[in-house]
Amino acid sequence: MPVLSLIANPADPELDAALAAAVVQQTGGELNWLNHGVACEIHEPTAPQALQIARDIIGTKSVDANLIPSEGRKKLILVADMDSTMIEQECIDELAAALGLKDQVAEITDRAMRGELDFGEALDTRVALLKGLERSVIEEVRREAITLAPGGRALVQTMKAYGAYTSLVSGGFTFFADYFGKRIGFDEAIANVLEFDGDVLTGTVTKPIVDKNTKRERLLALAAERGVDPSLTIAVGDGANDLDMIRVAGFGVALHAKPAVAAEAGVRIDHGDLTALLYLQGYPDDDFVR
């Protein structure tokens, strides 16, 4: 039987007892709070259109509703995107800002993430514009311009504490993925390699690039290597290059995603932070590792 999950943003929780009760009254099922005011779940709702009923009751409140299977909820592999998912920025846009090219590059990034441009071609075009950027400037961008997305460390540390393997697979760059992957606590980080001539960018990346195929293949390879059924994996991302891994994961989560991605994902989180992925798996707040 399914579970109806209701999750708010912990920074601005709008999931009060009255709202939860109103949903239960219309959908049936048993209410269980995971974090009062932030996340609850309704077990075995009886209404045929429980998800749509919940979303209609929620209306414009900043609460995410998803209907998920009750079996195999706790996942054993996490594969996550980095830019605009585990961190709040697009690294390549911030590097471009150091050269006064942010608007030009950000437009290409946005179109690529919407699936309007070939990812590889868009990457090559943007990286070429970074030619001549010095390593010290890149380090400054990494230090000063990039912030971790809320809830990411709790997500990774909690899943690891309960036996999961965590992988950061990014169409961005190892210069950032290695650094932030370690800070967050990922078991591994995979990303594109910026090429340098001494301490200056050449405007190229090492081929083959990390793209949507890499993300999907890494998720499936990890499942095979670790003897884990793909249904026990969870993938999270926001852009078109994340869709392939989102489709094959047990829980494929579109987080604050582009419309085309959110429309296709099995689970969408538009309001919550990364701890939403723990609530989806049935973890109560008391079990979080922070």
C-alpha atoms as a PDB file:
ATOM      1  CA  MET A   1       0.000   0.000   0.000  1.00  0.00           C
ATOM      2  CA  PRO A   2       1.226   3.514  -0.725  1.00  0.00           C
ATOM      3  CA  VAL A   3       2.261   6.263   1.652  1.00  0.00           C
ATOM      4  CA  LEU A   4       1.180   9.857   1.129  1.00  0.00           C
ATOM      5  CA  SER A   5       4.083  12.115   2.103  1.00  0.00           C
ATOM      6  CA  LEU A   6       3.644  15.777   3.084  1.00  0.00           C
ATOM      7  CA  ILE A   7       6.810  17.837   3.520  1.00  0.00           C
ATOM      8  CA  ALA A   8       7.382  21.557   4.116  1.00  0.00           C
ATOM      9  CA  ASN A   9      10.542  23.647   4.048  1.00  0.00           C
ATOM     10  CA  PRO A  10      12.086  23.507   7.554  1.00  0.00           C
ATOM     11  CA  ALA A  11      13.151  27.144   7.186  1.00  0.00           C
ATOM     12  CA  ASP A  12       9.531  28.258   6.675  1.00  0.00           C
ATOM     13  CA  PRO A  13       7.243  25.408   7.763  1.00  0.00           C
ATOM     14  CA  GLU A  14       3.638  25.644   6.656  1.00  0.00           C
ATOM     15  CA  LEU A  15       2.517  22.117   7.510  1.00  0.00           C
ATOM     16  CA  ASP A  16       0.407  22.579  10.621  1.00  0.00           C
ATOM     17  CA  ALA A  17      -1.797  20.038  12.392  1.00  0.00           C
ATOM     18  CA  ALA A  18      -4.959  21.501  10.857  1.00  0.00           C
ATOM     19  CA  LEU A  19      -3.677  21.064   7.307  1.00  0.00           C
ATOM     20  CA  ALA A  20      -2.550  17.497   7.969  1.00  0.00           C
ATOM     21  CA  ALA A  21      -5.912  16.672   9.563  1.00  0.00           C
ATOM     22  CA  ALA A  22      -7.786  18.137   6.614  1.00  0.00           C
ATOM     23  CA  VAL A  23      -5.840  15.913   4.219  1.00  0.00           C
ATOM     24  CA  VAL A  24      -6.423  12.791   6.325  1.00  0.00           C
ATOM     25  CA  GLN A  25     -10.136  13.546   6.544  1.00  0.00           C
ATOM     26  CA  GLN A  26     -10.421  13.576   2.746  1.00  0.00           C
ATOM     27  CA  THR A  27      -7.952  10.803   1.872  1.00  0.00           C
ATOM     28  CA  GLY A  28      -8.355   8.371   4.764  1.00  0.00           C
ATOM     29  CA  GLY A  29      -5.344   6.546   6.196  1.00  0.00           C
ATOM     30  CA  GLU A  30      -3.257   6.779   9.346  1.00  0.00           C
ATOM     31  CA  LEU A  31      -1.284   9.936  10.150  1.00  0.00           C
ATOM     32  CA  ASN A  32       2.302   9.680  11.372  1.00  0.00           C
ATOM     33  CA  TRP A  33       4.410  12.762  12.128  1.00  0.00           C
ATOM     34  CA  LEU A  34       8.128  12.609  11.270  1.00  0.00           C
ATOM     35  CA  ASN A  35       8.776  16.193  12.382  1.00  0.00           C
ATOM     36  CA  HIS A  36       5.882  18.264  13.717  1.00  0.00           C
ATOM     37  CA  GLY A  37       5.230  21.240  11.479  1.00  0.00           C
ATOM     38  CA  VAL A  38       7.652  20.011   8.795  1.00  0.00           C
ATOM     39  CA  ALA A  39       6.915  16.459   7.668  1.00  0.00           C
ATOM     40  CA  CYS A  40       4.255  13.812   8.079  1.00  0.00           C
ATOM     41  CA  GLU A  41       3.070  10.754   6.228  1.00  0.00           C
ATOM     42  CA  ILE A  42      -0.340   9.169   5.789  1.00  0.00           C
ATOM     43  CA  HIS A  43      -0.216   5.393   5.606  1.00  0.00           C
ATOM     44  CA  GLU A  44      -2.648   3.516   3.346  1.00  0.00           C
ATOM     45  CA  PRO A  45      -4.844   6.381   2.187  1.00  0.00           C
ATOM     46  CA  THR A  46      -8.121   4.952   0.922  1.00  0.00           C
ATOM     47  CA  ALA A  47      -9.196   7.663  -1.524  1.00  0.00           C
ATOM     48  CA  PRO A  48      -8.485   6.685  -5.176  1.00  0.00           C
ATOM     49  CA  GLN A  49      -7.050  10.134  -6.022  1.00  0.00           C
ATOM     50  CA  ALA A  50      -5.291  10.738  -2.705  1.00  0.00           C
ATOM     51  CA  LEU A  51      -2.348  12.666  -4.181  1.00  0.00           C
ATOM     52  CA  GLN A  52      -4.482  15.078  -6.175  1.00  0.00           C
ATOM     53  CA  ILE A  53      -6.829  15.542  -3.217  1.00  0.00           C
ATOM     54  CA  ALA A  54      -3.863  16.411  -0.987  1.00  0.00           C
ATOM     55  CA  ARG A  55      -2.451  18.875  -3.502  1.00  0.00           C
ATOM     56  CA  ASP A  56      -5.842  20.533  -3.899  1.00  0.00           C
ATOM     57  CA  ILE A  57      -6.156  20.965  -0.123  1.00  0.00           C
ATOM     58  CA  ILE A  58      -2.592  22.279   0.156  1.00  0.00           C
ATOM     59  CA  GLY A  59      -3.274  24.857  -2.561  1.00  0.00           C
ATOM     60  CA  THR A  60      -0.692  27.622  -2.513  1.00  0.00           C
ATOM     61  CA  LYS A  61       0.965  26.609   0.754  1.00  0.00           C
ATOM     62  CA  SER A  62       4.641  25.675   0.481  1.00  0.00           C
ATOM     63  CA  VAL A  63       4.122  21.966   1.124  1.00  0.00           C
ATOM     64  CA  ASP A  64       5.168  19.102  -1.143  1.00  0.00           C
ATOM     65  CA  ALA A  65       2.892  16.089  -1.538  1.00  0.00           C
ATOM     66  CA  ASN A  66       4.069  12.806  -3.036  1.00  0.00           C
ATOM     67  CA  LEU A  67       2.637   9.292  -3.165  1.00  0.00           C
ATOM     68  CA  ILE A  68       5.307   6.641  -2.666  1.00  0.00           C
ATOM     69  CA  PRO A  69       5.440   2.848  -2.187  1.00  0.00           C
ATOM     70  CA  SER A  70       5.621   1.662   1.408  1.00  0.00           C
ATOM     71  CA  GLU A  71       8.009  -1.199   0.637  1.00  0.00           C
ATOM     72  CA  GLY A  72      11.737  -0.640   0.244  1.00  0.00           C
ATOM     73  CA  ARG A  73      11.582   2.989   1.317  1.00  0.00           C
ATOM     74  CA  LYS A  74      15.000   3.161   2.929  1.00  0.00           C
ATOM     75  CA  LYS A  75      17.468   3.295   0.070  1.00  0.00           C
ATOM     76  CA  LEU A  76      20.990   1.846   0.014  1.00  0.00           C
ATOM     77  CA  ILE A  77      22.503   4.039  -2.717  1.00  0.00           C
ATOM     78  CA  LEU A  78      22.268   7.801  -3.214  1.00  0.00           C
ATOM     79  CA  VAL A  79      23.395   9.415  -6.472  1.00  0.00           C
ATOM     80  CA  ALA A  80      23.196  13.201  -6.434  1.00  0.00           C
ATOM     81  CA  ASP A  81      23.791  16.052  -8.833  1.00  0.00           C
ATOM     82  CA  MET A  82      25.938  18.897  -7.499  1.00  0.00           C
ATOM     83  CA  ASP A  83      25.162  22.281  -9.083  1.00  0.00           C
ATOM     84  CA  SER A  84      21.833  23.755  -7.924  1.00  0.00           C
ATOM     85  CA  THR A  85      21.242  20.533  -5.976  1.00  0.00           C
ATOM     86  CA  MET A  86      23.915  19.843  -3.339  1.00  0.00           C
ATOM     87  CA  ILE A  87      25.213  23.406  -3.720  1.00  0.00           C
ATOM     88  CA  GLU A  88      23.090  26.473  -4.385  1.00  0.00           C
ATOM     89  CA  GLN A  89      24.951  27.783  -7.422  1.00  0.00           C
ATOM     90  CA  GLU A  90      26.037  26.741 -10.923  1.00  0.00           C
ATOM     91  CA  CYS A  91      29.825  26.744 -10.618  1.00  0.00           C
ATOM     92  CA  ILE A  92      30.455  27.550 -14.256  1.00  0.00           C
ATOM     93  CA  ASP A  93      28.259  30.648 -14.002  1.00  0.00           C
ATOM     94  CA  GLU A  94      30.229  31.865 -10.983  1.00  0.00           C
ATOM     95  CA  LEU A  95      33.521  31.306 -12.805  1.00  0.00           C
ATOM     96  CA  ALA A  96      32.154  33.306 -15.725  1.00  0.00           C
ATOM     97  CA  ALA A  97      31.229  36.100 -13.319  1.00  0.00           C
ATOM     98  CA  ALA A  98      34.939  36.505 -12.528  1.00  0.00           C
ATOM     99  CA  LEU A  99      35.443  37.374 -16.212  1.00  0.00           C
ATOM    100  CA  GLY A 100      32.351  39.576 -16.474  1.00  0.00           C
ATOM    101  CA  LEU A 101      30.575  36.935 -18.575  1.00  0.00           C
ATOM    102  CA  LYS A 102      28.010  35.596 -16.124  1.00  0.00           C
ATOM    103  CA  ASP A 103      24.876  36.631 -18.020  1.00  0.00           C
ATOM    104  CA  GLN A 104      26.136  35.159 -21.281  1.00  0.00           C
ATOM    105  CA  VAL A 105      27.169  31.858 -19.716  1.00  0.00           C
ATOM    106  CA  ALA A 106      24.163  31.602 -17.377  1.00  0.00           C
ATOM    107  CA  GLU A 107      21.794  31.810 -20.342  1.00  0.00           C
ATOM    108  CA  ILE A 108      23.533  28.833 -21.978  1.00  0.00           C
ATOM    109  CA  THR A 109      23.510  26.937 -18.663  1.00  0.00           C
ATOM    110  CA  ASP A 110      19.798  27.519 -18.193  1.00  0.00           C
ATOM    111  CA  ARG A 111      18.956  26.356 -21.711  1.00  0.00           C
ATOM    112  CA  ALA A 112      21.113  23.248 -21.290  1.00  0.00           C
ATOM    113  CA  MET A 113      19.452  22.408 -17.970  1.00  0.00           C
ATOM    114  CA  ARG A 114      16.049  22.778 -19.623  1.00  0.00           C
ATOM    115  CA  GLY A 115      17.101  20.298 -22.292  1.00  0.00           C
ATOM    116  CA  GLU A 116      17.045  22.880 -25.093  1.00  0.00           C
ATOM    117  CA  LEU A 117      20.746  22.441 -25.957  1.00  0.00           C
ATOM    118  CA  ASP A 118      23.048  19.446 -26.291  1.00  0.00           C
ATOM    119  CA  PHE A 119      24.822  19.221 -22.932  1.00  0.00           C
ATOM    120  CA  GLY A 120      28.256  18.390 -24.342  1.00  0.00           C
ATOM    121  CA  GLU A 121      28.224  21.179 -26.888  1.00  0.00           C
ATOM    122  CA  ALA A 122      26.945  23.656 -24.312  1.00  0.00           C
ATOM    123  CA  LEU A 123      29.707  22.619 -21.900  1.00  0.00           C
ATOM    124  CA  ASP A 124      32.430  23.066 -24.514  1.00  0.00           C
ATOM    125  CA  THR A 125      31.050  26.471 -25.509  1.00  0.00           C
ATOM    126  CA  ARG A 126      30.974  27.736 -21.935  1.00  0.00           C
ATOM    127  CA  VAL A 127      34.359  26.329 -20.905  1.00  0.00           C
ATOM    128  CA  ALA A 128      35.980  27.916 -23.970  1.00  0.00           C
ATOM    129  CA  LEU A 129      34.853  31.300 -22.666  1.00  0.00           C
ATOM    130  CA  LEU A 130      36.788  30.645 -19.442  1.00  0.00           C
ATOM    131  CA  LYS A 131      40.145  30.339 -21.235  1.00  0.00           C
ATOM    132  CA  GLY A 132      42.861  32.237 -19.379  1.00  0.00           C
ATOM    133  CA  LEU A 133      41.186  32.161 -15.964  1.00  0.00           C
ATOM    134  CA  GLU A 134      43.803  31.679 -13.256  1.00  0.00           C
ATOM    135  CA  ARG A 135      43.751  28.899 -10.681  1.00  0.00           C
ATOM    136  CA  SER A 136      43.880  31.402  -7.810  1.00  0.00           C
ATOM    137  CA  VAL A 137      40.690  33.052  -9.083  1.00  0.00           C
ATOM    138  CA  ILE A 138      38.946  29.662  -9.319  1.00  0.00           C
ATOM    139  CA  GLU A 139      39.974  28.912  -5.744  1.00  0.00           C
ATOM    140  CA  GLU A 140      38.569  32.269  -4.659  1.00  0.00           C
ATOM    141  CA  VAL A 141      35.261  31.541  -6.411  1.00  0.00           C
ATOM    142  CA  ARG A 142      35.109  28.153  -4.701  1.00  0.00           C
ATOM    143  CA  ARG A 143      35.807  29.745  -1.330  1.00  0.00           C
ATOM    144  CA  GLU A 144      33.681  32.877  -1.582  1.00  0.00           C
ATOM    145  CA  ALA A 145      30.836  32.290  -4.057  1.00  0.00           C
ATOM    146  CA  ILE A 146      29.619  28.732  -3.420  1.00  0.00           C
ATOM    147  CA  THR A 147      27.266  27.743  -0.609  1.00  0.00           C
ATOM    148  CA  LEU A 148      26.021  24.316   0.429  1.00  0.00           C
ATOM    149  CA  ALA A 149      22.331  23.601  -0.104  1.00  0.00           C
ATOM    150  CA  PRO A 150      20.388  23.259   3.184  1.00  0.00           C
ATOM    151  CA  GLY A 151      19.952  19.728   4.445  1.00  0.00           C
ATOM    152  CA  GLY A 152      22.599  18.152   2.232  1.00  0.00           C
ATOM    153  CA  ARG A 153      25.007  17.143   4.930  1.00  0.00           C
ATOM    154  CA  ALA A 154      22.206  15.668   7.058  1.00  0.00           C
ATOM    155  CA  LEU A 155      20.985  13.696   4.026  1.00  0.00           C
ATOM    156  CA  VAL A 156      24.377  12.190   3.238  1.00  0.00           C
ATOM    157  CA  GLN A 157      25.505  11.585   6.823  1.00  0.00           C
ATOM    158  CA  THR A 158      22.196   9.989   7.817  1.00  0.00           C
ATOM    159  CA  MET A 159      22.070   7.659   4.838  1.00  0.00           C
ATOM    160  CA  LYS A 160      25.689   6.631   5.419  1.00  0.00           C
ATOM    161  CA  ALA A 161      24.983   5.997   9.107  1.00  0.00           C
ATOM    162  CA  TYR A 162      22.249   3.560   8.062  1.00  0.00           C
ATOM    163  CA  GLY A 163      24.433   1.705   5.583  1.00  0.00           C
ATOM    164  CA  ALA A 164      23.976   3.536   2.285  1.00  0.00           C
ATOM    165  CA  TYR A 165      26.677   4.411  -0.255  1.00  0.00           C
ATOM    166  CA  THR A 166      26.660   7.997  -1.500  1.00  0.00           C
ATOM    167  CA  SER A 167      27.903   9.252  -4.856  1.00  0.00           C
ATOM    168  CA  LEU A 168      28.167  12.829  -6.143  1.00  0.00           C
ATOM    169  CA  VAL A 169      28.061  12.719  -9.956  1.00  0.00           C
ATOM    170  CA  SER A 170      28.271  16.114 -11.591  1.00  0.00           C
ATOM    171  CA  GLY A 171      28.373  17.559 -15.077  1.00  0.00           C
ATOM    172  CA  GLY A 172      30.389  20.301 -13.379  1.00  0.00           C
ATOM    173  CA  PHE A 173      34.031  20.114 -12.411  1.00  0.00           C
ATOM    174  CA  THR A 174      36.242  18.035 -10.116  1.00  0.00           C
ATOM    175  CA  PHE A 175      37.735  21.287  -8.833  1.00  0.00           C
ATOM    176  CA  PHE A 176      34.436  21.800  -7.016  1.00  0.00           C
ATOM    177  CA  ALA A 177      33.005  18.279  -6.746  1.00  0.00           C
ATOM    178  CA  ASP A 178      36.039  16.823  -4.963  1.00  0.00           C
ATOM    179  CA  TYR A 179      36.134  19.716  -2.512  1.00  0.00           C
ATOM    180  CA  PHE A 180      32.423  19.943  -1.695  1.00  0.00           C
ATOM    181  CA  GLY A 181      31.941  16.195  -1.882  1.00  0.00           C
ATOM    182  CA  LYS A 182      34.408  15.841   1.003  1.00  0.00           C
ATOM    183  CA  ARG A 183      32.819  18.662   2.966  1.00  0.00           C
ATOM    184  CA  ILE A 184      29.371  17.128   2.667  1.00  0.00           C
ATOM    185  CA  GLY A 185      30.637  13.607   3.283  1.00  0.00           C
ATOM    186  CA  PHE A 186      30.060  11.748  -0.001  1.00  0.00           C
ATOM    187  CA  ASP A 187      31.829   8.419  -0.449  1.00  0.00           C
ATOM    188  CA  GLU A 188      32.889   9.419  -3.962  1.00  0.00           C
ATOM    189  CA  ALA A 189      32.746  12.323  -6.405  1.00  0.00           C
ATOM    190  CA  ILE A 190      32.774  12.140 -10.204  1.00  0.00           C
ATOM    191  CA  ALA A 191      32.884  15.219 -12.451  1.00  0.00           C
ATOM    192  CA  ASN A 192      34.516  16.798 -15.479  1.00  0.00           C
ATOM    193  CA  VAL A 193      38.181  17.771 -15.390  1.00  0.00           C
ATOM    194  CA  LEU A 194      39.140  21.325 -16.319  1.00  0.00           C
ATOM    195  CA  GLU A 195      42.412  21.402 -18.230  1.00  0.00           C
ATOM    196  CA  PHE A 196      45.200  23.779 -17.226  1.00  0.00           C
ATOM    197  CA  ASP A 197      48.328  25.111 -18.870  1.00  0.00           C
ATOM    198  CA  GLY A 198      50.338  25.700 -15.735  1.00  0.00           C
ATOM    199  CA  ASP A 199      47.959  27.676 -13.527  1.00  0.00           C
ATOM    200  CA  VAL A 200      45.750  28.985 -16.329  1.00  0.00           C
ATOM    201  CA  LEU A 201      42.675  27.377 -17.867  1.00  0.00           C
ATOM    202  CA  THR A 202      43.080  26.212 -21.460  1.00  0.00           C
ATOM    203  CA  GLY A 203      39.358  26.524 -22.164  1.00  0.00           C
ATOM    204  CA  THR A 204      38.895  22.761 -22.544  1.00  0.00           C
ATOM    205  CA  VAL A 205      37.780  19.770 -20.477  1.00  0.00           C
ATOM    206  CA  THR A 206      39.077  16.211 -20.538  1.00  0.00           C
ATOM    207  CA  LYS A 207      37.061  13.871 -22.762  1.00  0.00           C
ATOM    208  CA  PRO A 208      34.860  11.892 -22.480  1.00  0.00           C
ATOM    209  CA  ILE A 209      32.713  14.274 -20.476  1.00  0.00           C
ATOM    210  CA  VAL A 210      30.486  13.425 -17.542  1.00  0.00           C
ATOM    211  CA  ASP A 211      26.946  13.748 -18.872  1.00  0.00           C
ATOM    212  CA  LYS A 212      23.468  12.267 -18.416  1.00  0.00           C
ATOM    213  CA  ASN A 213      24.671   8.849 -19.566  1.00  0.00           C
ATOM    214  CA  THR A 214      27.481   8.862 -17.014  1.00  0.00           C
ATOM    215  CA  LYS A 215      25.026   9.607 -14.220  1.00  0.00           C
ATOM    216  CA  ARG A 216      22.643   6.828 -15.197  1.00  0.00           C
ATOM    217  CA  GLU A 217      25.444   4.327 -15.778  1.00  0.00           C
ATOM    218  CA  ARG A 218      27.095   5.117 -12.446  1.00  0.00           C
ATOM    219  CA  LEU A 219      23.845   4.537 -10.563  1.00  0.00           C
ATOM    220  CA  LEU A 220      23.298   1.177 -12.258  1.00  0.00           C
ATOM    221  CA  ALA A 221      26.960   0.190 -11.886  1.00  0.00           C
ATOM    222  CA  LEU A 222      26.914   0.973  -8.161  1.00  0.00           C
ATOM    223  CA  ALA A 223      23.780  -1.117  -7.738  1.00  0.00           C
ATOM    224  CA  ALA A 224      25.439  -4.032  -9.546  1.00  0.00           C
ATOM    225  CA  GLU A 225      28.756  -3.670  -7.698  1.00  0.00           C
ATOM    226  CA  ARG A 226      27.060  -3.586  -4.319  1.00  0.00           C
ATOM    227  CA  GLY A 227      24.443  -6.238  -5.023  1.00  0.00           C
ATOM    228  CA  VAL A 228      21.627  -3.731  -4.552  1.00  0.00           C
ATOM    229  CA  ASP A 229      18.398  -3.886  -6.525  1.00  0.00           C
ATOM    230  CA  PRO A 230      17.929  -0.610  -8.475  1.00  0.00           C
ATOM    231  CA  SER A 231      14.633  -0.168  -6.612  1.00  0.00           C
ATOM    232  CA  LEU A 232      16.730   0.522  -3.501  1.00  0.00           C
ATOM    233  CA  THR A 233      18.462   3.539  -5.047  1.00  0.00           C
ATOM    234  CA  ILE A 234      17.591   7.219  -4.852  1.00  0.00           C
ATOM    235  CA  ALA A 235      18.693   9.893  -7.323  1.00  0.00           C
ATOM    236  CA  VAL A 236      18.274  13.642  -7.022  1.00  0.00           C
ATOM    237  CA  GLY A 237      18.842  16.481  -9.455  1.00  0.00           C
ATOM    238  CA  ASP A 238      17.323  19.534 -11.084  1.00  0.00           C
ATOM    239  CA  GLY A 239      18.290  19.571 -14.759  1.00  0.00           C
ATOM    240  CA  ALA A 240      17.675  17.722 -18.001  1.00  0.00           C
ATOM    241  CA  ASN A 241      20.991  15.876 -17.683  1.00  0.00           C
ATOM    242  CA  ASP A 242      19.660  14.310 -14.455  1.00  0.00           C
ATOM    243  CA  LEU A 243      16.517  12.827 -15.993  1.00  0.00           C
ATOM    244  CA  ASP A 244      18.028   9.519 -17.093  1.00  0.00           C
ATOM    245  CA  MET A 245      19.256   8.642 -13.601  1.00  0.00           C
ATOM    246  CA  ILE A 246      16.016   9.934 -12.076  1.00  0.00           C
ATOM    247  CA  ARG A 247      14.027   7.599 -14.339  1.00  0.00           C
ATOM    248  CA  VAL A 248      15.928   4.426 -13.358  1.00  0.00           C
ATOM    249  CA  ALA A 249      16.246   5.092  -9.609  1.00  0.00           C
ATOM    250  CA  GLY A 250      13.891   3.579  -7.053  1.00  0.00           C
ATOM    251  CA  PHE A 251      13.090   7.113  -5.937  1.00  0.00           C
ATOM    252  CA  GLY A 252      13.834   9.633  -8.694  1.00  0.00           C
ATOM    253  CA  VAL A 253      13.609  13.065  -7.088  1.00  0.00           C
ATOM    254  CA  ALA A 254      13.375  16.367  -8.955  1.00  0.00           C
ATOM    255  CA  LEU A 255      14.537  19.001  -6.470  1.00  0.00           C
ATOM    256  CA  HIS A 256      13.544  22.611  -7.230  1.00  0.00           C
ATOM    257  CA  ALA A 257      13.832  21.416 -10.806  1.00  0.00           C
ATOM    258  CA  LYS A 258      13.236  22.793 -14.260  1.00  0.00           C
ATOM    259  CA  PRO A 259       9.588  22.236 -15.309  1.00  0.00           C
ATOM    260  CA  ALA A 260      10.343  19.467 -17.822  1.00  0.00           C
ATOM    261  CA  VAL A 261      12.308  17.559 -15.194  1.00  0.00           C
ATOM    262  CA  ALA A 262       9.711  17.968 -12.457  1.00  0.00           C
ATOM    263  CA  ALA A 263       6.984  16.788 -14.851  1.00  0.00           C
ATOM    264  CA  GLU A 264       8.766  13.488 -15.548  1.00  0.00           C
ATOM    265  CA  ALA A 265      10.176  12.666 -12.122  1.00  0.00           C
ATOM    266  CA  GLY A 266       8.423  10.151  -9.896  1.00  0.00           C
ATOM    267  CA  VAL A 267       8.902  12.472  -6.928  1.00  0.00           C
ATOM    268  CA  ARG A 268       9.070  16.268  -6.953  1.00  0.00           C
ATOM    269  CA  ILE A 269      10.245  18.514  -4.152  1.00  0.00           C
ATOM    270  CA  ASP A 270       9.463  22.135  -4.973  1.00  0.00           C
ATOM    271  CA  HIS A 271       9.564  23.621  -1.462  1.00  0.00           C
ATOM    272  CA  GLY A 272      11.493  21.393   0.946  1.00  0.00           C
ATOM    273  CA  ASP A 273      15.245  21.195   1.336  1.00  0.00           C
ATOM    274  CA  LEU A 274      17.447  18.120   0.964  1.00  0.00           C
ATOM    275  CA  THR A 275      16.208  16.613   4.234  1.00  0.00           C
ATOM    276  CA  ALA A 276      12.998  15.952   2.284  1.00  0.00           C
ATOM    277  CA  LEU A 277      14.782  12.929   0.819  1.00  0.00           C
ATOM    278  CA  LEU A 278      15.113  11.509   4.321  1.00  0.00           C
ATOM    279  CA  TYR A 279      11.459  12.109   5.148  1.00  0.00           C
ATOM    280  CA  LEU A 280      10.502  10.401   1.873  1.00  0.00           C
ATOM    281  CA  GLN A 281      12.384   7.351   3.127  1.00  0.00           C
ATOM    282  CA  GLY A 282      10.502   7.426   6.415  1.00  0.00           C
ATOM    283  CA  TYR A 283      13.286   8.751   8.640  1.00  0.00           C
ATOM    284  CA  PRO A 284      11.959  10.754  11.608  1.00  0.00           C
ATOM    285  CA  ASP A 285      13.846  13.908  12.521  1.00  0.00           C
ATOM    286  CA  ASP A 286      15.202  12.245  15.667  1.00  0.00           C
ATOM    287  CA  ASP A 287      17.149   9.802  13.495  1.00  0.00           C
ATOM    288  CA  PHE A 288      18.915  12.482  11.461  1.00  0.00           C
ATOM    289  CA  VAL A 289      22.707  12.654  11.751  1.00  0.00           C
ATOM    290  CA  ARG A 290      23.761  16.278  11.676  1.00  0.00           C
END
